[in-house]
PDB file of N, CA and C in Angstrom:
ATOM      1  N   MET A   1      -7.166 150.550  31.987  1.00  0.00           N
ATOM      2  CA  MET A   1      -7.470 149.617  33.204  1.00  0.00           C
ATOM      3  C   MET A   1      -7.115 149.998  34.384  1.00  0.00           C
ATOM      4  N   ARG A   2      -8.200 150.265  35.075  1.00  0.00           N
ATOM      5  CA  ARG A   2      -8.186 150.807  36.448  1.00  0.00           C
ATOM      6  C   ARG A   2      -7.677 150.536  37.397  1.00  0.00           C
ATOM      7  N   LYS A   3      -7.053 151.219  37.866  1.00  0.00           N
ATOM      8  CA  LYS A   3      -6.621 150.928  39.778  1.00  0.00           C
ATOM      9  C   LYS A   3      -7.155 151.492  40.218  1.00  0.00           C
ATOM     10  N   ILE A   4      -6.704 150.678  42.159  1.00  0.00           N
ATOM     11  CA  ILE A   4      -6.751 150.872  42.761  1.00  0.00           C
ATOM     12  C   ILE A   4      -6.456 152.251  44.453  1.00  0.00           C
ATOM     13  N   ARG A   5      -5.534 152.324  43.739  1.00  0.00           N
ATOM     14  CA  ARG A   5      -4.644 152.995  43.754  1.00  0.00           C
ATOM     15  C   ARG A   5      -4.465 154.346  43.469  1.00  0.00           C
ATOM     16  N   ASP A   6      -5.437 154.352  41.998  1.00  0.00           N
ATOM     17  CA  ASP A   6      -6.282 155.504  41.639  1.00  0.00           C
ATOM     18  C   ASP A   6      -6.941 156.630  42.229  1.00  0.00           C
ATOM     19  N   LEU A   7      -7.682 155.720  43.617  1.00  0.00           N
ATOM     20  CA  LEU A   7      -8.613 156.210  44.231  1.00  0.00           C
ATOM     21  C   LEU A   7      -8.199 156.989  45.242  1.00  0.00           C
ATOM     22  N   ILE A   8      -7.273 156.239  45.990  1.00  0.00           N
ATOM     23  CA  ILE A   8      -6.775 157.177  47.404  1.00  0.00           C
ATOM     24  C   ILE A   8      -6.585 159.077  47.187  1.00  0.00           C
ATOM     25  N   ASN A   9      -7.177 159.055  48.330  1.00  0.00           N
ATOM     26  CA  ASN A   9      -8.334 159.991  48.044  1.00  0.00           C
ATOM     27  C   ASN A   9      -6.715 161.178  49.810  1.00  0.00           C
ATOM     28  N   ASN A  10      -5.951 162.418  50.007  1.00  0.00           N
ATOM     29  CA  ASN A  10      -5.483 162.845  50.543  1.00  0.00           C
ATOM     30  C   ASN A  10      -6.268 163.742  51.769  1.00  0.00           C
ATOM     31  N   GLU A  11      -7.534 163.509  51.692  1.00  0.00           N
ATOM     32  CA  GLU A  11      -8.270 165.335  51.308  1.00  0.00           C
ATOM     33  C   GLU A  11      -9.590 164.237  51.731  1.00  0.00           C
ATOM     34  N   LYS A  12     -10.503 162.953  51.438  1.00  0.00           N
ATOM     35  CA  LYS A  12     -10.750 162.938  52.255  1.00  0.00           C
ATOM     36  C   LYS A  12     -10.982 161.331  52.129  1.00  0.00           C
ATOM     37  N   LYS A  13     -11.237 160.486  53.173  1.00  0.00           N
ATOM     38  CA  LYS A  13     -11.461 158.827  53.565  1.00  0.00           C
ATOM     39  C   LYS A  13     -12.158 158.299  52.926  1.00  0.00           C
ATOM     40  N   VAL A  14     -11.845 156.484  52.223  1.00  0.00           N
ATOM     41  CA  VAL A  14     -12.659 155.940  50.842  1.00  0.00           C
ATOM     42  C   VAL A  14     -13.164 154.627  51.842  1.00  0.00           C
ATOM     43  N   TYR A  15     -14.017 154.325  50.673  1.00  0.00           N
ATOM     44  CA  TYR A  15     -14.549 153.693  51.568  1.00  0.00           C
ATOM     45  C   TYR A  15     -14.894 153.014  50.284  1.00  0.00           C
ATOM     46  N   ILE A  16     -14.317 151.831  50.002  1.00  0.00           N
ATOM     47  CA  ILE A  16     -15.006 150.375  48.409  1.00  0.00           C
ATOM     48  C   ILE A  16     -16.199 149.931  49.643  1.00  0.00           C
ATOM     49  N   TYR A  17     -17.475 150.446  48.311  1.00  0.00           N
ATOM     50  CA  TYR A  17     -18.578 149.010  48.441  1.00  0.00           C
ATOM     51  C   TYR A  17     -18.376 147.817  47.845  1.00  0.00           C
ATOM     52  N   LEU A  18     -18.524 147.336  48.301  1.00  0.00           N
ATOM     53  CA  LEU A  18     -18.049 145.439  47.635  1.00  0.00           C
ATOM     54  C   LEU A  18     -19.337 144.419  47.244  1.00  0.00           C
ATOM     55  N   ARG A  19     -20.059 144.742  45.993  1.00  0.00           N
ATOM     56  CA  ARG A  19     -21.908 144.515  46.087  1.00  0.00           C
ATOM     57  C   ARG A  19     -21.780 143.121  46.442  1.00  0.00           C
ATOM     58  N   ASN A  20     -20.827 142.320  46.295  1.00  0.00           N
ATOM     59  CA  ASN A  20     -21.076 140.652  45.820  1.00  0.00           C
ATOM     60  C   ASN A  20     -20.022 139.615  45.808  1.00  0.00           C
ATOM     61  N   ARG A  21     -20.090 138.232  46.292  1.00  0.00           N
ATOM     62  CA  ARG A  21     -18.766 137.874  46.467  1.00  0.00           C
ATOM     63  C   ARG A  21     -17.514 138.188  45.056  1.00  0.00           C
ATOM     64  N   ALA A  22     -18.189 137.822  44.316  1.00  0.00           N
ATOM     65  CA  ALA A  22     -17.208 138.257  42.796  1.00  0.00           C
ATOM     66  C   ALA A  22     -16.432 139.635  43.602  1.00  0.00           C
ATOM     67  N   THR A  23     -16.776 140.842  43.300  1.00  0.00           N
ATOM     68  CA  THR A  23     -16.426 142.208  43.686  1.00  0.00           C
ATOM     69  C   THR A  23     -15.534 141.544  44.762  1.00  0.00           C
ATOM     70  N   GLU A  24     -16.148 140.771  45.817  1.00  0.00           N
ATOM     71  CA  GLU A  24     -15.446 141.053  46.763  1.00  0.00           C
ATOM     72  C   GLU A  24     -13.370 140.142  45.723  1.00  0.00           C
ATOM     73  N   TYR A  25     -13.511 138.710  45.664  1.00  0.00           N
ATOM     74  CA  TYR A  25     -12.513 138.433  45.260  1.00  0.00           C
ATOM     75  C   TYR A  25     -12.465 139.450  44.331  1.00  0.00           C
ATOM     76  N   ARG A  26     -13.196 139.920  43.865  1.00  0.00           N
ATOM     77  CA  ARG A  26     -12.337 140.816  41.736  1.00  0.00           C
ATOM     78  C   ARG A  26     -11.614 141.821  42.750  1.00  0.00           C
ATOM     79  N   PHE A  27     -11.942 142.382  44.567  1.00  0.00           N
ATOM     80  CA  PHE A  27     -10.682 144.143  45.046  1.00  0.00           C
ATOM     81  C   PHE A  27      -9.727 142.918  45.708  1.00  0.00           C
ATOM     82  N   MET A  28      -9.965 142.150  46.025  1.00  0.00           N
ATOM     83  CA  MET A  28      -8.786 141.127  47.442  1.00  0.00           C
ATOM     84  C   MET A  28      -7.399 141.270  46.349  1.00  0.00           C
ATOM     85  N   SER A  29      -7.158 140.573  45.089  1.00  0.00           N
ATOM     86  CA  SER A  29      -7.124 139.922  44.861  1.00  0.00           C
ATOM     87  C   SER A  29      -6.023 141.054  43.391  1.00  0.00           C
ATOM     88  N   ASP A  30      -7.047 142.177  43.158  1.00  0.00           N
ATOM     89  CA  ASP A  30      -6.968 143.831  42.599  1.00  0.00           C
ATOM     90  C   ASP A  30      -5.747 144.119  42.838  1.00  0.00           C
ATOM     91  N   ALA A  31      -5.812 143.791  44.429  1.00  0.00           N
ATOM     92  CA  ALA A  31      -5.608 144.728  45.551  1.00  0.00           C
ATOM     93  C   ALA A  31      -3.823 144.509  45.975  1.00  0.00           C
ATOM     94  N   GLU A  32      -4.395 142.932  46.028  1.00  0.00           N
ATOM     95  CA  GLU A  32      -2.328 142.689  45.760  1.00  0.00           C
ATOM     96  C   GLU A  32      -1.342 142.742  45.082  1.00  0.00           C
ATOM     97  N   ARG A  33      -2.330 142.393  43.853  1.00  0.00           N
ATOM     98  CA  ARG A  33      -1.656 142.284  42.678  1.00  0.00           C
ATOM     99  C   ARG A  33      -0.624 144.349  42.417  1.00  0.00           C
ATOM    100  N   GLU A  34      -1.391 144.608  42.944  1.00  0.00           N
ATOM    101  CA  GLU A  34      -0.810 146.472  42.433  1.00  0.00           C
ATOM    102  C   GLU A  34      -0.515 146.439  44.162  1.00  0.00           C
ATOM    103  N   GLY A  35      -0.093 145.285  45.034  1.00  0.00           N
ATOM    104  CA  GLY A  35       0.947 145.978  46.513  1.00  0.00           C
ATOM    105  C   GLY A  35       0.470 145.971  47.011  1.00  0.00           C
ATOM    106  N   ILE A  36      -0.960 146.614  47.218  1.00  0.00           N
ATOM    107  CA  ILE A  36      -1.708 147.083  48.071  1.00  0.00           C
ATOM    108  C   ILE A  36      -1.935 146.100  50.226  1.00  0.00           C
ATOM    109  N   THR A  37      -2.135 146.256  50.924  1.00  0.00           N
ATOM    110  CA  THR A  37      -2.212 145.103  52.495  1.00  0.00           C
ATOM    111  C   THR A  37      -2.908 145.557  53.313  1.00  0.00           C
ATOM    112  N   TYR A  38      -2.659 144.948  54.263  1.00  0.00           N
ATOM    113  CA  TYR A  38      -3.374 145.785  55.103  1.00  0.00           C
ATOM    114  C   TYR A  38      -3.306 146.450  56.001  1.00  0.00           C
ATOM    115  N   GLY A  39      -2.863 147.385  57.165  1.00  0.00           N
ATOM    116  CA  GLY A  39      -2.187 147.879  57.907  1.00  0.00           C
ATOM    117  C   GLY A  39      -0.516 147.120  58.598  1.00  0.00           C
ATOM    118  N   ASP A  40      -1.052 145.604  58.537  1.00  0.00           N
ATOM    119  CA  ASP A  40       0.520 145.533  59.596  1.00  0.00           C
ATOM    120  C   ASP A  40       1.095 143.910  58.439  1.00  0.00           C
ATOM    121  N   GLY A  41       0.037 144.474  56.801  1.00  0.00           N
ATOM    122  CA  GLY A  41       1.075 143.921  55.720  1.00  0.00           C
ATOM    123  C   GLY A  41       0.612 141.916  55.757  1.00  0.00           C
ATOM    124  N   VAL A  42       0.065 142.484  55.649  1.00  0.00           N
ATOM    125  CA  VAL A  42      -1.372 141.371  55.247  1.00  0.00           C
ATOM    126  C   VAL A  42      -1.153 140.935  54.061  1.00  0.00           C
ATOM    127  N   LYS A  43      -1.755 140.209  52.992  1.00  0.00           N
ATOM    128  CA  LYS A  43      -2.351 140.221  51.517  1.00  0.00           C
ATOM    129  C   LYS A  43      -3.420 140.320  52.308  1.00  0.00           C
ATOM    130  N   PRO A  44      -4.373 141.137  51.245  1.00  0.00           N
ATOM    131  CA  PRO A  44      -5.714 140.907  51.384  1.00  0.00           C
ATOM    132  C   PRO A  44      -5.973 139.314  51.040  1.00  0.00           C
ATOM    133  N   THR A  45      -5.540 139.146  50.189  1.00  0.00           N
ATOM    134  CA  THR A  45      -6.587 137.043  49.968  1.00  0.00           C
ATOM    135  C   THR A  45      -6.399 136.309  50.937  1.00  0.00           C
ATOM    136  N   GLU A  46      -5.578 136.988  52.405  1.00  0.00           N
ATOM    137  CA  GLU A  46      -5.347 136.785  53.047  1.00  0.00           C
ATOM    138  C   GLU A  46      -6.382 136.338  54.474  1.00  0.00           C
ATOM    139  N   ARG A  47      -7.378 137.270  54.090  1.00  0.00           N
ATOM    140  CA  ARG A  47      -7.882 137.310  55.035  1.00  0.00           C
ATOM    141  C   ARG A  47      -8.814 137.622  54.286  1.00  0.00           C
ATOM    142  N   LEU A  48     -10.191 137.172  55.165  1.00  0.00           N
ATOM    143  CA  LEU A  48     -11.776 137.571  54.865  1.00  0.00           C
ATOM    144  C   LEU A  48     -12.100 139.235  54.074  1.00  0.00           C
ATOM    145  N   VAL A  49     -12.951 138.639  53.799  1.00  0.00           N
ATOM    146  CA  VAL A  49     -13.545 140.700  53.366  1.00  0.00           C
ATOM    147  C   VAL A  49     -14.442 140.514  53.835  1.00  0.00           C
ATOM    148  N   ASP A  50     -15.320 141.981  53.709  1.00  0.00           N
ATOM    149  CA  ASP A  50     -15.862 142.120  54.234  1.00  0.00           C
ATOM    150  C   ASP A  50     -17.030 143.601  52.983  1.00  0.00           C
ATOM    151  N   ASP A  51     -18.230 144.209  52.985  1.00  0.00           N
ATOM    152  CA  ASP A  51     -18.439 144.676  52.182  1.00  0.00           C
ATOM    153  C   ASP A  51     -18.524 145.741  51.805  1.00  0.00           C
ATOM    154  N   ILE A  52     -17.622 146.495  52.842  1.00  0.00           N
ATOM    155  CA  ILE A  52     -17.777 148.136  52.873  1.00  0.00           C
ATOM    156  C   ILE A  52     -15.877 147.503  53.101  1.00  0.00           C
ATOM    157  N   MET A  53     -14.779 148.375  52.346  1.00  0.00           N
ATOM    158  CA  MET A  53     -13.457 148.485  53.353  1.00  0.00           C
ATOM    159  C   MET A  53     -13.713 149.275  53.142  1.00  0.00           C
ATOM    160  N   ALA A  54     -12.138 150.256  53.533  1.00  0.00           N
ATOM    161  CA  ALA A  54     -11.236 151.355  53.778  1.00  0.00           C
ATOM    162  C   ALA A  54      -9.662 151.859  52.951  1.00  0.00           C
ATOM    163  N   LEU A  55     -10.167 152.412  52.576  1.00  0.00           N
ATOM    164  CA  LEU A  55      -8.494 152.412  51.085  1.00  0.00           C
ATOM    165  C   LEU A  55      -8.002 153.999  51.812  1.00  0.00           C
ATOM    166  N   HIS A  56      -6.744 153.492  52.177  1.00  0.00           N
ATOM    167  CA  HIS A  56      -6.059 154.743  53.843  1.00  0.00           C
ATOM    168  C   HIS A  56      -5.216 155.612  52.594  1.00  0.00           C
ATOM    169  N   ASP A  57      -4.232 156.124  52.235  1.00  0.00           N
ATOM    170  CA  ASP A  57      -3.687 157.034  51.809  1.00  0.00           C
ATOM    171  C   ASP A  57      -2.241 156.581  51.773  1.00  0.00           C
ATOM    172  N   ASP A  58      -1.717 156.088  52.145  1.00  0.00           N
ATOM    173  CA  ASP A  58      -0.473 155.272  52.828  1.00  0.00           C
ATOM    174  C   ASP A  58      -1.095 153.566  52.470  1.00  0.00           C
ATOM    175  N   GLY A  59      -1.672 153.537  50.386  1.00  0.00           N
ATOM    176  CA  GLY A  59      -2.055 152.377  50.429  1.00  0.00           C
ATOM    177  C   GLY A  59      -2.232 151.062  51.000  1.00  0.00           C
ATOM    178  N   THR A  60      -3.129 151.104  52.073  1.00  0.00           N
ATOM    179  CA  THR A  60      -3.286 150.180  52.578  1.00  0.00           C
ATOM    180  C   THR A  60      -4.594 150.329  53.130  1.00  0.00           C
ATOM    181  N   ILE A  61      -5.584 148.671  52.751  1.00  0.00           N
ATOM    182  CA  ILE A  61      -6.569 148.642  53.196  1.00  0.00           C
ATOM    183  C   ILE A  61      -7.052 148.378  54.784  1.00  0.00           C
ATOM    184  N   CYS A  62      -8.456 148.523  54.802  1.00  0.00           N
ATOM    185  CA  CYS A  62      -8.776 147.733  56.366  1.00  0.00           C
ATOM    186  C   CYS A  62      -9.858 147.005  56.679  1.00  0.00           C
ATOM    187  N   PHE A  63     -10.773 146.157  57.440  1.00  0.00           N
ATOM    188  CA  PHE A  63     -11.225 146.969  57.758  1.00  0.00           C
ATOM    189  C   PHE A  63     -12.189 148.032  58.440  1.00  0.00           C
ATOM    190  N   LEU A  64     -13.496 147.653  58.775  1.00  0.00           N
ATOM    191  CA  LEU A  64     -14.699 149.063  58.880  1.00  0.00           C
ATOM    192  C   LEU A  64     -15.083 148.607  60.590  1.00  0.00           C
ATOM    193  N   GLY A  65     -15.185 149.820  61.501  1.00  0.00           N
ATOM    194  CA  GLY A  65     -15.466 149.024  62.748  1.00  0.00           C
ATOM    195  C   GLY A  65     -16.761 150.009  63.242  1.00  0.00           C
ATOM    196  N   TRP A  66     -17.970 150.623  64.343  1.00  0.00           N
ATOM    197  CA  TRP A  66     -19.038 150.643  63.496  1.00  0.00           C
ATOM    198  C   TRP A  66     -18.756 152.294  63.195  1.00  0.00           C
ATOM    199  N   ALA A  67     -17.591 153.357  63.350  1.00  0.00           N
ATOM    200  CA  ALA A  67     -17.282 154.342  63.490  1.00  0.00           C
ATOM    201  C   ALA A  67     -17.474 154.585  61.969  1.00  0.00           C
ATOM    202  N   GLY A  68     -16.783 153.484  61.488  1.00  0.00           N
ATOM    203  CA  GLY A  68     -16.200 153.820  60.072  1.00  0.00           C
ATOM    204  C   GLY A  68     -18.187 153.550  59.318  1.00  0.00           C
ATOM    205  N   ARG A  69     -18.614 152.961  59.357  1.00  0.00           N
ATOM    206  CA  ARG A  69     -19.592 152.247  58.817  1.00  0.00           C
ATOM    207  C   ARG A  69     -20.848 153.282  59.193  1.00  0.00           C
ATOM    208  N   MET A  70     -20.234 154.250  60.639  1.00  0.00           N
ATOM    209  CA  MET A  70     -21.059 155.600  61.030  1.00  0.00           C
ATOM    210  C   MET A  70     -20.881 156.635  59.692  1.00  0.00           C
ATOM    211  N   ALA A  71     -19.911 156.225  59.467  1.00  0.00           N
ATOM    212  CA  ALA A  71     -19.595 157.825  58.644  1.00  0.00           C
ATOM    213  C   ALA A  71     -19.898 157.263  56.825  1.00  0.00           C
ATOM    214  N   TYR A  72     -19.564 155.674  56.166  1.00  0.00           N
ATOM    215  CA  TYR A  72     -19.325 155.344  55.602  1.00  0.00           C
ATOM    216  C   TYR A  72     -21.107 156.194  54.756  1.00  0.00           C
ATOM    217  N   HIS A  73     -22.525 155.883  55.951  1.00  0.00           N
ATOM    218  CA  HIS A  73     -23.644 155.671  54.924  1.00  0.00           C
ATOM    219  C   HIS A  73     -24.267 157.209  55.822  1.00  0.00           C
ATOM    220  N   TYR A  74     -23.431 157.812  57.072  1.00  0.00           N
ATOM    221  CA  TYR A  74     -24.305 159.255  56.897  1.00  0.00           C
ATOM    222  C   TYR A  74     -22.855 160.837  56.338  1.00  0.00           C
ATOM    223  N   SER A  75     -21.424 160.290  56.425  1.00  0.00           N
ATOM    224  CA  SER A  75     -20.517 161.216  56.373  1.00  0.00           C
ATOM    225  C   SER A  75     -20.942 162.002  54.987  1.00  0.00           C
ATOM    226  N   LYS A  76     -22.210 162.340  54.071  1.00  0.00           N
ATOM    227  CA  LYS A  76     -21.315 162.945  52.708  1.00  0.00           C
ATOM    228  C   LYS A  76     -19.940 163.201  52.645  1.00  0.00           C
ATOM    229  N   ASP A  77     -20.159 164.346  52.767  1.00  0.00           N
ATOM    230  CA  ASP A  77     -19.382 165.090  52.518  1.00  0.00           C
ATOM    231  C   ASP A  77     -17.993 165.246  53.397  1.00  0.00           C
ATOM    232  N   THR A  78     -17.186 163.949  53.435  1.00  0.00           N
ATOM    233  CA  THR A  78     -15.955 163.878  53.649  1.00  0.00           C
ATOM    234  C   THR A  78     -15.147 162.264  54.087  1.00  0.00           C
ATOM    235  N   VAL A  79     -15.712 162.188  52.642  1.00  0.00           N
ATOM    236  CA  VAL A  79     -15.587 160.539  52.773  1.00  0.00           C
ATOM    237  C   VAL A  79     -16.608 160.675  51.208  1.00  0.00           C
ATOM    238  N   LYS A  80     -14.773 159.605  50.786  1.00  0.00           N
ATOM    239  CA  LYS A  80     -15.687 159.274  48.697  1.00  0.00           C
ATOM    240  C   LYS A  80     -15.965 157.474  49.213  1.00  0.00           C
ATOM    241  N   ARG A  81     -17.702 157.080  48.623  1.00  0.00           N
ATOM    242  CA  ARG A  81     -17.809 156.263  48.929  1.00  0.00           C
ATOM    243  C   ARG A  81     -17.814 155.398  47.146  1.00  0.00           C
ATOM    244  N   ILE A  82     -16.469 154.776  46.877  1.00  0.00           N
ATOM    245  CA  ILE A  82     -16.107 153.845  45.868  1.00  0.00           C
ATOM    246  C   ILE A  82     -17.708 153.121  45.105  1.00  0.00           C
ATOM    247  N   ASP A  83     -18.235 152.442  44.376  1.00  0.00           N
ATOM    248  CA  ASP A  83     -18.767 151.629  44.281  1.00  0.00           C
ATOM    249  C   ASP A  83     -18.187 150.408  43.011  1.00  0.00           C
ATOM    250  N   TYR A  84     -17.007 149.328  43.421  1.00  0.00           N
ATOM    251  CA  TYR A  84     -16.350 148.589  42.878  1.00  0.00           C
ATOM    252  C   TYR A  84     -16.388 147.686  41.790  1.00  0.00           C
ATOM    253  N   GLU A  85     -17.486 148.075  41.814  1.00  0.00           N
ATOM    254  CA  GLU A  85     -18.238 145.954  40.654  1.00  0.00           C
ATOM    255  C   GLU A  85     -18.264 147.573  39.514  1.00  0.00           C
ATOM    256  N   LYS A  86     -18.901 148.943  39.589  1.00  0.00           N
ATOM    257  CA  LYS A  86     -19.396 150.094  38.845  1.00  0.00           C
ATOM    258  C   LYS A  86     -17.743 151.127  38.284  1.00  0.00           C
ATOM    259  N   TYR A  87     -16.497 150.768  38.632  1.00  0.00           N
ATOM    260  CA  TYR A  87     -15.976 151.515  38.597  1.00  0.00           C
ATOM    261  C   TYR A  87     -15.275 150.628  38.021  1.00  0.00           C
ATOM    262  N   ILE A  88     -14.404 149.338  38.677  1.00  0.00           N
ATOM    263  CA  ILE A  88     -13.864 147.949  37.225  1.00  0.00           C
ATOM    264  C   ILE A  88     -14.321 147.935  36.459  1.00  0.00           C
ATOM    265  N   SER A  89     -15.470 147.739  35.867  1.00  0.00           N
ATOM    266  CA  SER A  89     -16.028 147.868  34.502  1.00  0.00           C
ATOM    267  C   SER A  89     -16.501 149.278  33.301  1.00  0.00           C
ATOM    268  N   GLY A  90     -15.741 150.045  34.092  1.00  0.00           N
ATOM    269  CA  GLY A  90     -15.709 152.265  33.226  1.00  0.00           C
ATOM    270  C   GLY A  90     -15.884 152.596  33.015  1.00  0.00           C
ATOM    271  N   GLU A  91     -17.162 153.128  34.439  1.00  0.00           N
ATOM    272  CA  GLU A  91     -17.871 153.019  34.169  1.00  0.00           C
ATOM    273  C   GLU A  91     -18.504 154.836  35.040  1.00  0.00           C
ATOM    274  N   THR A  92     -18.311 155.808  34.109  1.00  0.00           N
ATOM    275  CA  THR A  92     -18.512 157.327  34.852  1.00  0.00           C
ATOM    276  C   THR A  92     -19.456 157.592  36.347  1.00  0.00           C
ATOM    277  N   GLY A  93     -20.132 157.310  36.552  1.00  0.00           N
ATOM    278  CA  GLY A  93     -20.707 156.827  37.792  1.00  0.00           C
ATOM    279  C   GLY A  93     -20.685 155.540  39.506  1.00  0.00           C
ATOM    280  N   TYR A  94     -19.637 155.695  39.334  1.00  0.00           N
ATOM    281  CA  TYR A  94     -18.599 154.416  40.833  1.00  0.00           C
ATOM    282  C   TYR A  94     -19.206 155.450  41.598  1.00  0.00           C
ATOM    283  N   LEU A  95     -19.259 156.515  41.704  1.00  0.00           N
ATOM    284  CA  LEU A  95     -19.345 157.755  43.302  1.00  0.00           C
ATOM    285  C   LEU A  95     -20.471 156.985  44.023  1.00  0.00           C
ATOM    286  N   ILE A  96     -20.881 157.049  45.070  1.00  0.00           N
ATOM    287  CA  ILE A  96     -22.306 156.373  45.108  1.00  0.00           C
ATOM    288  C   ILE A  96     -23.038 157.982  46.116  1.00  0.00           C
TER     289      ILE A  96
END
């Protein structure tokens, strides 16, 4: 089974794309099960989720502001974009 922590990258920012509600809930519960929290220590399932979440190299997640959304859409060389639905299904083409 693939883990969220395996996606952590010290060289590039990692953004997780969550295409629908089922995938959003799955990501948040998987993150909590792996001990991943928000930067302030709040458990993932205790907050709402967005369609794109950032995964930091310290094992925390956060929401994207406008700058993060711009980076997600336009900085293809400096970010790693993951389609979480494809990632958990075992597909090899999970990078966006």
